[in-house]
Amino acid sequence: MAATHSLHLPRRHARHPGQSPGRRPAPRNKVARLDEQLPVDHRLSRVYRIGAGLMGLVLVAFGILGLIDKIGIFDTGGHTIAGLNTNGALSILSICVGLLLFVGMVIGGNFASTLNMVLGIAFILSGFINLALLDTGFNFLAFHMQNVLFSFVVGLMLMMFGMYGRVSGGLPHDNPYWQARHPEEAALEERSRSRRPSMPIAPP
């Protein structure tokens, strides 16, 4: 009789070591992967793409105009393009950075965001370094003060585009970066939304 009764006892789920009784492990991978790769069709990815594309277009156009004028590689004679001093080296460097931003625009997602931030920091550092080299013999890129200011502006714009919706203390809970940093809370909210009864459709 006892053996027959034991067959109808409910089966208990296997419990991992250290897990409290009656509590199921929270899903981890489903949310944590969002921080590794933001979906390319997410609205944040579009912002990163637009930022990288616009800044890349400006730099490529500036570099091409400098090459068309056939300015020497390290010429510091004061040739200007759109009000900015330039030479062959600065033109080539601008085209290379602009093409790299175009790659970020095509890939999108976390890659574009990170690329925007990294290049933004690089432009700001370049502004400070070239500011210190303005009146020296090491000013190989023919920087003038307007170039320094332009470098600061481009750096701040790239950082703004790269950090948008990613680096903030008040991200909405549907933001993938917030979900990746708070996996347990995101899982609880997802379960509560799935349990919420749907509104009945009124008959015509």
N, C-alpha and C. Protein backbone atom coordinates (compact mmCIF):
# COMPACT_ATOMS: atom_id res chain seq x y z
N MET A 1 0.83 -1.21 0.00
CA MET A 1 0.00 0.00 0.00
C MET A 1 0.85 1.25 0.00
N ALA A 2 1.90 1.22 0.85
CA ALA A 2 2.80 2.37 0.93
C ALA A 2 3.55 2.56 -0.37
N ALA A 3 3.95 1.43 -1.01
CA ALA A 3 4.67 1.52 -2.28
C ALA A 3 3.78 2.11 -3.35
N THR A 4 2.47 1.70 -3.36
CA THR A 4 1.54 2.22 -4.36
C THR A 4 1.31 3.71 -4.16
N HIS A 5 1.24 4.12 -2.89
CA HIS A 5 0.99 5.54 -2.59
C HIS A 5 2.18 6.41 -2.99
N SER A 6 3.38 5.84 -2.89
CA SER A 6 4.57 6.64 -3.20
C SER A 6 4.68 6.94 -4.68
N LEU A 7 4.00 6.17 -5.54
CA LEU A 7 4.07 6.40 -6.97
C LEU A 7 3.37 7.68 -7.36
N HIS A 8 2.41 8.13 -6.53
CA HIS A 8 1.61 9.31 -6.87
C HIS A 8 2.14 10.57 -6.22
N LEU A 9 3.29 10.49 -5.54
CA LEU A 9 3.85 11.69 -4.93
C LEU A 9 4.39 12.60 -6.02
N PRO A 10 4.21 13.94 -5.91
CA PRO A 10 4.73 14.85 -6.96
C PRO A 10 6.24 14.84 -6.99
N ARG A 11 6.78 14.92 -8.20
CA ARG A 11 8.23 14.91 -8.36
C ARG A 11 8.77 16.29 -8.04
N ARG A 12 9.88 16.32 -7.35
CA ARG A 12 10.52 17.59 -7.01
C ARG A 12 11.63 17.87 -8.03
N HIS A 13 11.76 19.14 -8.34
CA HIS A 13 12.80 19.52 -9.28
C HIS A 13 14.16 19.37 -8.63
N ALA A 14 15.13 18.99 -9.44
CA ALA A 14 16.49 18.85 -8.92
C ALA A 14 17.00 20.22 -8.47
N ARG A 15 17.66 20.24 -7.34
CA ARG A 15 18.12 21.49 -6.76
C ARG A 15 19.63 21.55 -6.83
N HIS A 16 20.14 22.65 -7.33
CA HIS A 16 21.56 22.84 -7.41
C HIS A 16 22.11 23.14 -6.03
N PRO A 17 23.40 22.84 -5.77
CA PRO A 17 23.98 23.16 -4.47
C PRO A 17 23.94 24.64 -4.21
N GLY A 18 23.53 25.03 -3.03
CA GLY A 18 23.46 26.43 -2.65
C GLY A 18 22.15 27.10 -3.00
N GLN A 19 21.26 26.39 -3.73
CA GLN A 19 19.98 26.98 -4.10
C GLN A 19 18.98 26.76 -2.98
N SER A 20 18.24 27.81 -2.63
CA SER A 20 17.26 27.70 -1.56
C SER A 20 16.10 26.84 -2.01
N PRO A 21 15.46 26.07 -1.10
CA PRO A 21 14.35 25.18 -1.48
C PRO A 21 13.19 25.98 -2.05
N GLY A 22 12.55 25.43 -3.06
CA GLY A 22 11.35 26.03 -3.62
C GLY A 22 11.62 27.20 -4.56
N ARG A 23 12.87 27.46 -4.86
CA ARG A 23 13.19 28.59 -5.74
C ARG A 23 13.90 28.09 -6.97
N ARG A 24 13.39 28.45 -8.13
CA ARG A 24 13.99 28.02 -9.37
C ARG A 24 15.09 29.00 -9.77
N PRO A 25 16.12 28.51 -10.44
CA PRO A 25 17.19 29.42 -10.87
C PRO A 25 16.69 30.42 -11.89
N ALA A 26 17.11 31.67 -11.73
CA ALA A 26 16.68 32.73 -12.65
C ALA A 26 17.39 32.58 -13.99
N PRO A 27 16.67 32.84 -15.07
CA PRO A 27 17.32 32.74 -16.38
C PRO A 27 18.40 33.80 -16.52
N ARG A 28 19.55 33.40 -17.03
CA ARG A 28 20.68 34.32 -17.12
C ARG A 28 21.06 34.65 -18.56
N ASN A 29 21.22 33.61 -19.37
CA ASN A 29 21.78 33.81 -20.69
C ASN A 29 20.88 34.65 -21.58
N LYS A 30 19.58 34.53 -21.42
CA LYS A 30 18.67 35.22 -22.30
C LYS A 30 18.84 36.72 -22.22
N VAL A 31 19.12 37.25 -21.02
CA VAL A 31 19.26 38.68 -20.86
C VAL A 31 20.70 39.12 -20.96
N ALA A 32 21.63 38.34 -20.45
CA ALA A 32 23.03 38.75 -20.41
C ALA A 32 23.63 38.90 -21.80
N ARG A 33 23.13 38.13 -22.76
CA ARG A 33 23.69 38.20 -24.11
C ARG A 33 23.39 39.53 -24.78
N LEU A 34 22.37 40.28 -24.31
CA LEU A 34 22.05 41.54 -24.93
C LEU A 34 23.19 42.54 -24.81
N ASP A 35 24.00 42.42 -23.76
CA ASP A 35 25.12 43.34 -23.59
C ASP A 35 26.26 42.99 -24.52
N GLU A 36 26.32 41.73 -24.98
CA GLU A 36 27.38 41.32 -25.88
C GLU A 36 27.10 41.77 -27.31
N GLN A 37 25.86 41.79 -27.71
CA GLN A 37 25.54 42.22 -29.07
C GLN A 37 24.14 42.82 -29.09
N LEU A 38 24.10 44.13 -29.27
CA LEU A 38 22.82 44.83 -29.39
C LEU A 38 22.20 44.48 -30.73
N PRO A 39 20.92 44.14 -30.79
CA PRO A 39 20.30 43.82 -32.08
C PRO A 39 20.47 44.97 -33.07
N VAL A 40 20.87 44.65 -34.29
CA VAL A 40 21.19 45.69 -35.26
C VAL A 40 19.96 46.50 -35.66
N ASP A 41 18.75 45.96 -35.47
CA ASP A 41 17.55 46.70 -35.85
C ASP A 41 16.98 47.48 -34.68
N HIS A 42 17.67 47.52 -33.54
CA HIS A 42 17.19 48.27 -32.39
C HIS A 42 17.34 49.76 -32.67
N ARG A 43 16.45 50.58 -32.08
CA ARG A 43 16.49 52.02 -32.35
C ARG A 43 17.80 52.65 -31.90
N LEU A 44 18.42 52.11 -30.83
CA LEU A 44 19.71 52.63 -30.40
C LEU A 44 20.79 52.38 -31.45
N SER A 45 20.70 51.23 -32.10
CA SER A 45 21.67 50.92 -33.14
C SER A 45 21.56 51.91 -34.29
N ARG A 46 20.36 52.37 -34.59
CA ARG A 46 20.20 53.36 -35.66
C ARG A 46 20.86 54.68 -35.29
N VAL A 47 20.79 55.05 -34.01
CA VAL A 47 21.46 56.29 -33.57
C VAL A 47 22.97 56.16 -33.75
N TYR A 48 23.53 55.01 -33.35
CA TYR A 48 24.97 54.80 -33.49
C TYR A 48 25.39 54.81 -34.96
N ARG A 49 24.56 54.22 -35.81
CA ARG A 49 24.86 54.19 -37.25
C ARG A 49 24.86 55.61 -37.84
N ILE A 50 23.83 56.38 -37.48
CA ILE A 50 23.72 57.74 -38.02
C ILE A 50 24.91 58.58 -37.57
N GLY A 51 25.27 58.48 -36.29
CA GLY A 51 26.40 59.26 -35.78
C GLY A 51 27.69 58.90 -36.48
N ALA A 52 27.95 57.61 -36.62
CA ALA A 52 29.18 57.18 -37.29
C ALA A 52 29.18 57.59 -38.76
N GLY A 53 28.04 57.48 -39.42
CA GLY A 53 27.97 57.84 -40.83
C GLY A 53 28.17 59.33 -41.07
N LEU A 54 27.55 60.17 -40.25
CA LEU A 54 27.68 61.62 -40.44
C LEU A 54 29.12 62.08 -40.20
N MET A 55 29.71 61.64 -39.09
CA MET A 55 31.08 62.05 -38.80
C MET A 55 32.06 61.48 -39.83
N GLY A 56 31.80 60.25 -40.28
CA GLY A 56 32.66 59.66 -41.30
C GLY A 56 32.59 60.42 -42.61
N LEU A 57 31.38 60.87 -42.97
CA LEU A 57 31.21 61.62 -44.20
C LEU A 57 31.97 62.95 -44.15
N VAL A 58 31.90 63.63 -43.01
CA VAL A 58 32.61 64.90 -42.86
C VAL A 58 34.12 64.69 -43.01
N LEU A 59 34.65 63.67 -42.35
CA LEU A 59 36.09 63.43 -42.39
C LEU A 59 36.57 63.00 -43.77
N VAL A 60 35.82 62.13 -44.43
CA VAL A 60 36.21 61.68 -45.77
C VAL A 60 36.17 62.85 -46.76
N ALA A 61 35.14 63.68 -46.67
CA ALA A 61 35.06 64.83 -47.58
C ALA A 61 36.23 65.79 -47.34
N PHE A 62 36.56 66.02 -46.07
CA PHE A 62 37.69 66.90 -45.74
C PHE A 62 38.99 66.33 -46.28
N GLY A 63 39.19 65.03 -46.13
CA GLY A 63 40.41 64.40 -46.61
C GLY A 63 40.52 64.40 -48.13
N ILE A 64 39.41 64.13 -48.82
CA ILE A 64 39.44 64.11 -50.28
C ILE A 64 39.74 65.49 -50.84
N LEU A 65 39.14 66.53 -50.26
CA LEU A 65 39.41 67.89 -50.73
C LEU A 65 40.88 68.25 -50.54
N GLY A 66 41.48 67.76 -49.45
CA GLY A 66 42.90 68.02 -49.23
C GLY A 66 43.78 67.32 -50.25
N LEU A 67 43.41 66.09 -50.62
CA LEU A 67 44.20 65.36 -51.62
C LEU A 67 44.03 65.95 -53.01
N ILE A 68 42.84 66.47 -53.31
CA ILE A 68 42.62 67.07 -54.63
C ILE A 68 43.54 68.27 -54.84
N ASP A 69 43.80 69.02 -53.77
CA ASP A 69 44.68 70.19 -53.88
C ASP A 69 46.15 69.81 -53.97
N LYS A 70 46.46 68.52 -53.88
CA LYS A 70 47.83 68.02 -54.00
C LYS A 70 48.80 68.73 -53.05
N ILE A 71 48.38 68.79 -51.78
CA ILE A 71 49.23 69.40 -50.76
C ILE A 71 50.28 68.39 -50.34
N GLY A 72 51.48 68.84 -50.04
CA GLY A 72 52.54 67.94 -49.63
C GLY A 72 52.20 67.19 -48.35
N ILE A 73 52.83 66.03 -48.18
CA ILE A 73 52.51 65.16 -47.05
C ILE A 73 52.68 65.89 -45.72
N PHE A 74 53.82 66.50 -45.50
CA PHE A 74 54.07 67.20 -44.24
C PHE A 74 54.25 68.70 -44.48
N ASP A 75 53.53 69.22 -45.44
CA ASP A 75 53.60 70.64 -45.75
C ASP A 75 52.93 71.44 -44.65
N THR A 76 53.60 72.47 -44.16
CA THR A 76 53.04 73.33 -43.12
C THR A 76 52.92 74.76 -43.64
N GLY A 77 52.67 74.88 -44.94
CA GLY A 77 52.61 76.21 -45.56
C GLY A 77 51.32 76.96 -45.35
N GLY A 78 50.34 76.38 -44.64
CA GLY A 78 49.11 77.10 -44.35
C GLY A 78 48.01 76.87 -45.36
N HIS A 79 47.97 75.71 -46.03
CA HIS A 79 46.87 75.40 -46.93
C HIS A 79 45.62 75.11 -46.12
N THR A 80 44.50 75.67 -46.56
CA THR A 80 43.25 75.52 -45.81
C THR A 80 42.19 74.86 -46.67
N ILE A 81 41.35 74.06 -46.01
CA ILE A 81 40.18 73.43 -46.62
C ILE A 81 39.00 73.70 -45.68
N ALA A 82 37.99 74.41 -46.17
CA ALA A 82 36.81 74.75 -45.36
C ALA A 82 37.21 75.45 -44.06
N GLY A 83 38.22 76.31 -44.14
CA GLY A 83 38.65 77.07 -42.98
C GLY A 83 39.59 76.33 -42.05
N LEU A 84 39.94 75.09 -42.38
CA LEU A 84 40.82 74.30 -41.53
C LEU A 84 42.16 74.08 -42.23
N ASN A 85 43.24 74.21 -41.49
CA ASN A 85 44.55 73.92 -42.05
C ASN A 85 44.69 72.43 -42.32
N THR A 86 45.44 72.09 -43.35
CA THR A 86 45.61 70.68 -43.67
C THR A 86 46.89 70.47 -44.47
N ASN A 87 47.29 69.23 -44.57
CA ASN A 87 48.36 68.80 -45.46
C ASN A 87 48.07 67.37 -45.90
N GLY A 88 48.97 66.76 -46.64
CA GLY A 88 48.71 65.42 -47.16
C GLY A 88 48.52 64.38 -46.07
N ALA A 89 49.33 64.47 -45.02
CA ALA A 89 49.23 63.49 -43.95
C ALA A 89 47.89 63.59 -43.23
N LEU A 90 47.45 64.81 -42.93
CA LEU A 90 46.17 64.99 -42.26
C LEU A 90 45.02 64.55 -43.15
N SER A 91 45.13 64.79 -44.45
CA SER A 91 44.08 64.37 -45.38
C SER A 91 43.95 62.85 -45.41
N ILE A 92 45.08 62.16 -45.51
CA ILE A 92 45.04 60.69 -45.54
C ILE A 92 44.51 60.13 -44.23
N LEU A 93 44.96 60.71 -43.11
CA LEU A 93 44.49 60.26 -41.80
C LEU A 93 42.98 60.48 -41.66
N SER A 94 42.48 61.60 -42.15
CA SER A 94 41.04 61.88 -42.07
C SER A 94 40.24 60.87 -42.87
N ILE A 95 40.74 60.52 -44.07
CA ILE A 95 40.03 59.53 -44.89
C ILE A 95 40.02 58.17 -44.21
N CYS A 96 41.14 57.77 -43.63
CA CYS A 96 41.20 56.46 -42.96
C CYS A 96 40.23 56.39 -41.78
N VAL A 97 40.19 57.44 -40.97
CA VAL A 97 39.28 57.44 -39.82
C VAL A 97 37.83 57.49 -40.31
N GLY A 98 37.57 58.26 -41.36
CA GLY A 98 36.22 58.32 -41.90
C GLY A 98 35.75 56.97 -42.43
N LEU A 99 36.63 56.24 -43.12
CA LEU A 99 36.27 54.91 -43.61
C LEU A 99 36.02 53.94 -42.46
N LEU A 100 36.79 54.09 -41.38
CA LEU A 100 36.56 53.24 -40.22
C LEU A 100 35.19 53.51 -39.61
N LEU A 101 34.79 54.78 -39.61
CA LEU A 101 33.45 55.11 -39.11
C LEU A 101 32.37 54.55 -40.03
N PHE A 102 32.63 54.52 -41.33
CA PHE A 102 31.68 53.90 -42.26
C PHE A 102 31.52 52.40 -41.96
N VAL A 103 32.61 51.75 -41.58
CA VAL A 103 32.52 50.33 -41.20
C VAL A 103 31.63 50.18 -39.97
N GLY A 104 31.80 51.08 -39.00
CA GLY A 104 30.93 51.04 -37.83
C GLY A 104 29.48 51.29 -38.19
N MET A 105 29.24 52.17 -39.15
CA MET A 105 27.86 52.43 -39.59
C MET A 105 27.24 51.18 -40.21
N VAL A 106 28.02 50.44 -40.99
CA VAL A 106 27.50 49.23 -41.63
C VAL A 106 27.22 48.13 -40.61
N ILE A 107 28.13 47.95 -39.65
CA ILE A 107 27.98 46.87 -38.66
C ILE A 107 26.90 47.23 -37.64
N GLY A 108 26.92 48.46 -37.13
CA GLY A 108 25.92 48.89 -36.16
C GLY A 108 26.10 48.22 -34.81
N GLY A 109 25.05 48.23 -33.99
CA GLY A 109 25.06 47.56 -32.70
C GLY A 109 26.11 48.10 -31.75
N ASN A 110 26.58 47.21 -30.87
CA ASN A 110 27.58 47.60 -29.88
C ASN A 110 28.88 48.05 -30.52
N PHE A 111 29.22 47.47 -31.69
CA PHE A 111 30.46 47.84 -32.34
C PHE A 111 30.46 49.32 -32.70
N ALA A 112 29.38 49.79 -33.30
CA ALA A 112 29.29 51.20 -33.68
C ALA A 112 29.33 52.10 -32.46
N SER A 113 28.62 51.71 -31.40
CA SER A 113 28.62 52.51 -30.17
C SER A 113 30.02 52.62 -29.57
N THR A 114 30.69 51.48 -29.43
CA THR A 114 32.03 51.47 -28.85
C THR A 114 33.02 52.23 -29.74
N LEU A 115 32.91 52.03 -31.05
CA LEU A 115 33.81 52.73 -31.97
C LEU A 115 33.64 54.24 -31.87
N ASN A 116 32.39 54.70 -31.79
CA ASN A 116 32.15 56.14 -31.65
C ASN A 116 32.80 56.68 -30.38
N MET A 117 32.65 55.95 -29.27
CA MET A 117 33.23 56.43 -28.02
C MET A 117 34.74 56.43 -28.05
N VAL A 118 35.33 55.36 -28.58
CA VAL A 118 36.80 55.27 -28.62
C VAL A 118 37.39 56.37 -29.51
N LEU A 119 36.82 56.55 -30.70
CA LEU A 119 37.33 57.58 -31.60
C LEU A 119 37.04 58.97 -31.05
N GLY A 120 35.94 59.13 -30.34
CA GLY A 120 35.66 60.42 -29.72
C GLY A 120 36.73 60.79 -28.70
N ILE A 121 37.11 59.84 -27.87
CA ILE A 121 38.19 60.08 -26.90
C ILE A 121 39.50 60.36 -27.63
N ALA A 122 39.75 59.63 -28.74
CA ALA A 122 40.98 59.84 -29.49
C ALA A 122 41.04 61.25 -30.09
N PHE A 123 39.91 61.76 -30.59
CA PHE A 123 39.89 63.11 -31.15
C PHE A 123 40.14 64.15 -30.06
N ILE A 124 39.57 63.95 -28.88
CA ILE A 124 39.79 64.91 -27.80
C ILE A 124 41.26 64.90 -27.36
N LEU A 125 41.83 63.71 -27.23
CA LEU A 125 43.26 63.63 -26.89
C LEU A 125 44.12 64.25 -27.98
N SER A 126 43.74 64.03 -29.24
CA SER A 126 44.48 64.63 -30.35
C SER A 126 44.45 66.14 -30.27
N GLY A 127 43.29 66.69 -29.88
CA GLY A 127 43.19 68.13 -29.75
C GLY A 127 44.15 68.68 -28.71
N PHE A 128 44.24 68.00 -27.56
CA PHE A 128 45.15 68.45 -26.50
C PHE A 128 46.62 68.30 -26.93
N ILE A 129 46.93 67.16 -27.56
CA ILE A 129 48.32 66.93 -27.97
C ILE A 129 48.76 67.94 -29.01
N ASN A 130 47.93 68.15 -30.03
CA ASN A 130 48.30 69.09 -31.08
C ASN A 130 48.26 70.54 -30.60
N LEU A 131 47.47 70.81 -29.58
CA LEU A 131 47.50 72.14 -28.98
C LEU A 131 48.87 72.43 -28.39
N ALA A 132 49.46 71.40 -27.77
CA ALA A 132 50.80 71.57 -27.20
C ALA A 132 51.88 71.64 -28.26
N LEU A 133 51.59 71.15 -29.48
CA LEU A 133 52.60 71.13 -30.54
C LEU A 133 52.45 72.25 -31.56
N LEU A 134 51.54 73.19 -31.31
CA LEU A 134 51.24 74.21 -32.32
C LEU A 134 52.48 74.99 -32.75
N ASP A 135 53.27 75.45 -31.82
CA ASP A 135 54.41 76.33 -32.13
C ASP A 135 55.74 75.59 -32.06
N THR A 136 55.71 74.31 -32.35
CA THR A 136 56.94 73.52 -32.30
C THR A 136 57.23 72.93 -33.68
N GLY A 137 58.38 72.32 -33.81
CA GLY A 137 58.74 71.67 -35.06
C GLY A 137 58.12 70.30 -35.23
N PHE A 138 57.32 69.86 -34.27
CA PHE A 138 56.69 68.54 -34.32
C PHE A 138 55.24 68.62 -34.79
N ASN A 139 54.84 69.76 -35.29
CA ASN A 139 53.47 69.93 -35.77
C ASN A 139 53.34 69.38 -37.18
N PHE A 140 53.50 68.06 -37.32
CA PHE A 140 53.54 67.43 -38.63
C PHE A 140 52.18 67.45 -39.35
N LEU A 141 51.09 67.59 -38.61
CA LEU A 141 49.76 67.60 -39.23
C LEU A 141 49.28 69.01 -39.55
N ALA A 142 50.16 70.00 -39.40
CA ALA A 142 49.85 71.40 -39.75
C ALA A 142 48.63 71.92 -39.01
N PHE A 143 48.49 71.56 -37.74
CA PHE A 143 47.35 72.01 -36.94
C PHE A 143 47.49 73.50 -36.63
N HIS A 144 46.38 74.21 -36.71
CA HIS A 144 46.23 75.55 -36.18
C HIS A 144 45.13 75.50 -35.12
N MET A 145 44.87 76.64 -34.49
CA MET A 145 43.88 76.63 -33.41
C MET A 145 42.52 76.16 -33.88
N GLN A 146 42.12 76.52 -35.11
CA GLN A 146 40.81 76.08 -35.60
C GLN A 146 40.76 74.56 -35.74
N ASN A 147 41.90 73.92 -36.07
CA ASN A 147 41.93 72.46 -36.14
C ASN A 147 41.76 71.84 -34.76
N VAL A 148 42.36 72.48 -33.76
CA VAL A 148 42.21 71.98 -32.40
C VAL A 148 40.76 72.04 -31.96
N LEU A 149 40.10 73.17 -32.22
CA LEU A 149 38.69 73.30 -31.86
C LEU A 149 37.83 72.30 -32.62
N PHE A 150 38.14 72.11 -33.90
CA PHE A 150 37.40 71.13 -34.70
C PHE A 150 37.57 69.72 -34.14
N SER A 151 38.77 69.39 -33.70
CA SER A 151 39.03 68.08 -33.12
C SER A 151 38.22 67.88 -31.84
N PHE A 152 38.12 68.92 -31.03
CA PHE A 152 37.31 68.83 -29.81
C PHE A 152 35.84 68.63 -30.15
N VAL A 153 35.34 69.38 -31.13
CA VAL A 153 33.92 69.28 -31.49
C VAL A 153 33.59 67.89 -32.03
N VAL A 154 34.42 67.38 -32.94
CA VAL A 154 34.17 66.04 -33.49
C VAL A 154 34.25 64.98 -32.40
N GLY A 155 35.22 65.13 -31.48
CA GLY A 155 35.34 64.16 -30.39
C GLY A 155 34.12 64.15 -29.49
N LEU A 156 33.61 65.34 -29.15
CA LEU A 156 32.42 65.41 -28.30
C LEU A 156 31.19 64.86 -29.01
N MET A 157 31.07 65.13 -30.31
CA MET A 157 29.93 64.60 -31.06
C MET A 157 29.97 63.08 -31.12
N LEU A 158 31.15 62.52 -31.38
CA LEU A 158 31.26 61.06 -31.45
C LEU A 158 30.96 60.43 -30.11
N MET A 159 31.45 61.03 -29.03
CA MET A 159 31.17 60.48 -27.71
C MET A 159 29.68 60.57 -27.38
N MET A 160 29.04 61.66 -27.78
CA MET A 160 27.61 61.80 -27.53
C MET A 160 26.83 60.72 -28.27
N PHE A 161 27.16 60.51 -29.57
CA PHE A 161 26.47 59.47 -30.32
C PHE A 161 26.76 58.08 -29.75
N GLY A 162 28.00 57.83 -29.30
CA GLY A 162 28.35 56.51 -28.80
C GLY A 162 27.74 56.19 -27.45
N MET A 163 27.59 57.20 -26.59
CA MET A 163 27.08 56.96 -25.25
C MET A 163 25.56 57.06 -25.15
N TYR A 164 24.91 57.50 -26.23
CA TYR A 164 23.47 57.70 -26.18
C TYR A 164 22.75 56.39 -25.84
N GLY A 165 21.93 56.43 -24.80
CA GLY A 165 21.16 55.27 -24.40
C GLY A 165 21.97 54.14 -23.81
N ARG A 166 23.25 54.37 -23.55
CA ARG A 166 24.11 53.30 -23.03
C ARG A 166 24.78 53.68 -21.71
N VAL A 167 25.23 54.92 -21.61
CA VAL A 167 25.92 55.39 -20.40
C VAL A 167 25.03 56.43 -19.74
N SER A 168 24.21 55.97 -18.79
CA SER A 168 23.31 56.88 -18.08
C SER A 168 22.80 56.18 -16.84
N GLY A 169 22.42 56.97 -15.85
CA GLY A 169 21.91 56.38 -14.62
C GLY A 169 20.41 56.20 -14.63
N GLY A 170 19.71 56.76 -15.64
CA GLY A 170 18.25 56.67 -15.66
C GLY A 170 17.72 56.01 -16.92
N LEU A 171 18.30 54.88 -17.30
CA LEU A 171 17.85 54.19 -18.50
C LEU A 171 16.49 53.56 -18.28
N PRO A 172 15.60 53.59 -19.28
CA PRO A 172 14.30 52.90 -19.14
C PRO A 172 14.50 51.40 -19.06
N HIS A 173 13.51 50.71 -18.48
CA HIS A 173 13.66 49.28 -18.24
C HIS A 173 13.55 48.44 -19.50
N ASP A 174 13.09 49.03 -20.60
CA ASP A 174 13.09 48.27 -21.85
C ASP A 174 14.39 48.46 -22.63
N ASN A 175 15.33 49.22 -22.06
CA ASN A 175 16.63 49.42 -22.68
C ASN A 175 17.46 48.15 -22.54
N PRO A 176 18.06 47.64 -23.63
CA PRO A 176 18.81 46.38 -23.52
C PRO A 176 20.02 46.47 -22.61
N TYR A 177 20.63 47.66 -22.49
CA TYR A 177 21.78 47.80 -21.60
C TYR A 177 21.34 47.74 -20.13
N TRP A 178 20.18 48.34 -19.83
CA TRP A 178 19.66 48.22 -18.46
C TRP A 178 19.34 46.76 -18.15
N GLN A 179 18.74 46.05 -19.08
CA GLN A 179 18.39 44.64 -18.87
C GLN A 179 19.63 43.79 -18.66
N ALA A 180 20.71 44.10 -19.38
CA ALA A 180 21.93 43.32 -19.23
C ALA A 180 22.59 43.57 -17.88
N ARG A 181 22.45 44.77 -17.34
CA ARG A 181 23.07 45.09 -16.06
C ARG A 181 22.20 44.69 -14.88
N HIS A 182 20.91 44.44 -15.10
CA HIS A 182 19.99 44.03 -14.04
C HIS A 182 19.21 42.80 -14.49
N PRO A 183 19.89 41.66 -14.68
CA PRO A 183 19.21 40.49 -15.26
C PRO A 183 18.08 39.95 -14.39
N GLU A 184 18.24 39.96 -13.06
CA GLU A 184 17.20 39.40 -12.20
C GLU A 184 15.94 40.26 -12.24
N GLU A 185 16.11 41.60 -12.16
CA GLU A 185 14.95 42.48 -12.22
C GLU A 185 14.27 42.39 -13.58
N ALA A 186 15.07 42.30 -14.65
CA ALA A 186 14.50 42.19 -15.99
C ALA A 186 13.72 40.89 -16.15
N ALA A 187 14.23 39.80 -15.56
CA ALA A 187 13.52 38.52 -15.65
C ALA A 187 12.20 38.58 -14.89
N LEU A 188 12.22 39.23 -13.72
CA LEU A 188 10.98 39.36 -12.95
C LEU A 188 9.94 40.18 -13.71
N GLU A 189 10.37 41.29 -14.32
CA GLU A 189 9.43 42.11 -15.08
C GLU A 189 8.90 41.36 -16.29
N GLU A 190 9.75 40.56 -16.93
CA GLU A 190 9.29 39.79 -18.08
C GLU A 190 8.26 38.75 -17.67
N ARG A 191 8.49 38.10 -16.52
CA ARG A 191 7.50 37.11 -16.05
C ARG A 191 6.20 37.78 -15.67
N SER A 192 6.27 38.97 -15.05
CA SER A 192 5.04 39.66 -14.67
C SER A 192 4.24 40.09 -15.90
N ARG A 193 4.96 40.50 -16.97
CA ARG A 193 4.25 40.87 -18.19
C ARG A 193 3.61 39.67 -18.86
N SER A 194 4.27 38.51 -18.79
CA SER A 194 3.70 37.32 -19.42
C SER A 194 2.50 36.79 -18.67
N ARG A 195 2.45 37.04 -17.34
CA ARG A 195 1.29 36.58 -16.55
C ARG A 195 0.12 37.55 -16.62
N ARG A 196 0.35 38.76 -17.10
CA ARG A 196 -0.71 39.76 -17.14
C ARG A 196 -1.77 39.34 -18.13
N PRO A 197 -3.05 39.25 -17.73
CA PRO A 197 -4.11 38.81 -18.66
C PRO A 197 -4.31 39.82 -19.77
N SER A 198 -4.52 39.31 -20.97
CA SER A 198 -4.77 40.18 -22.11
C SER A 198 -6.17 40.73 -22.08
N MET A 199 -6.38 41.93 -22.63
CA MET A 199 -7.69 42.56 -22.66
C MET A 199 -8.60 41.82 -23.63
N PRO A 200 -9.83 41.51 -23.21
CA PRO A 200 -10.75 40.82 -24.14
C PRO A 200 -11.15 41.73 -25.28
N ILE A 201 -11.30 41.15 -26.43
CA ILE A 201 -11.70 41.90 -27.62
C ILE A 201 -13.21 41.99 -27.65
N ALA A 202 -13.71 43.22 -27.75
CA ALA A 202 -15.17 43.43 -27.76
C ALA A 202 -15.77 42.89 -29.05
N PRO A 203 -16.90 42.23 -28.95
CA PRO A 203 -17.53 41.71 -30.18
C PRO A 203 -18.02 42.86 -31.05
N PRO A 204 -18.03 42.67 -32.35
CA PRO A 204 -18.50 43.76 -33.25
C PRO A 204 -19.99 44.00 -33.11
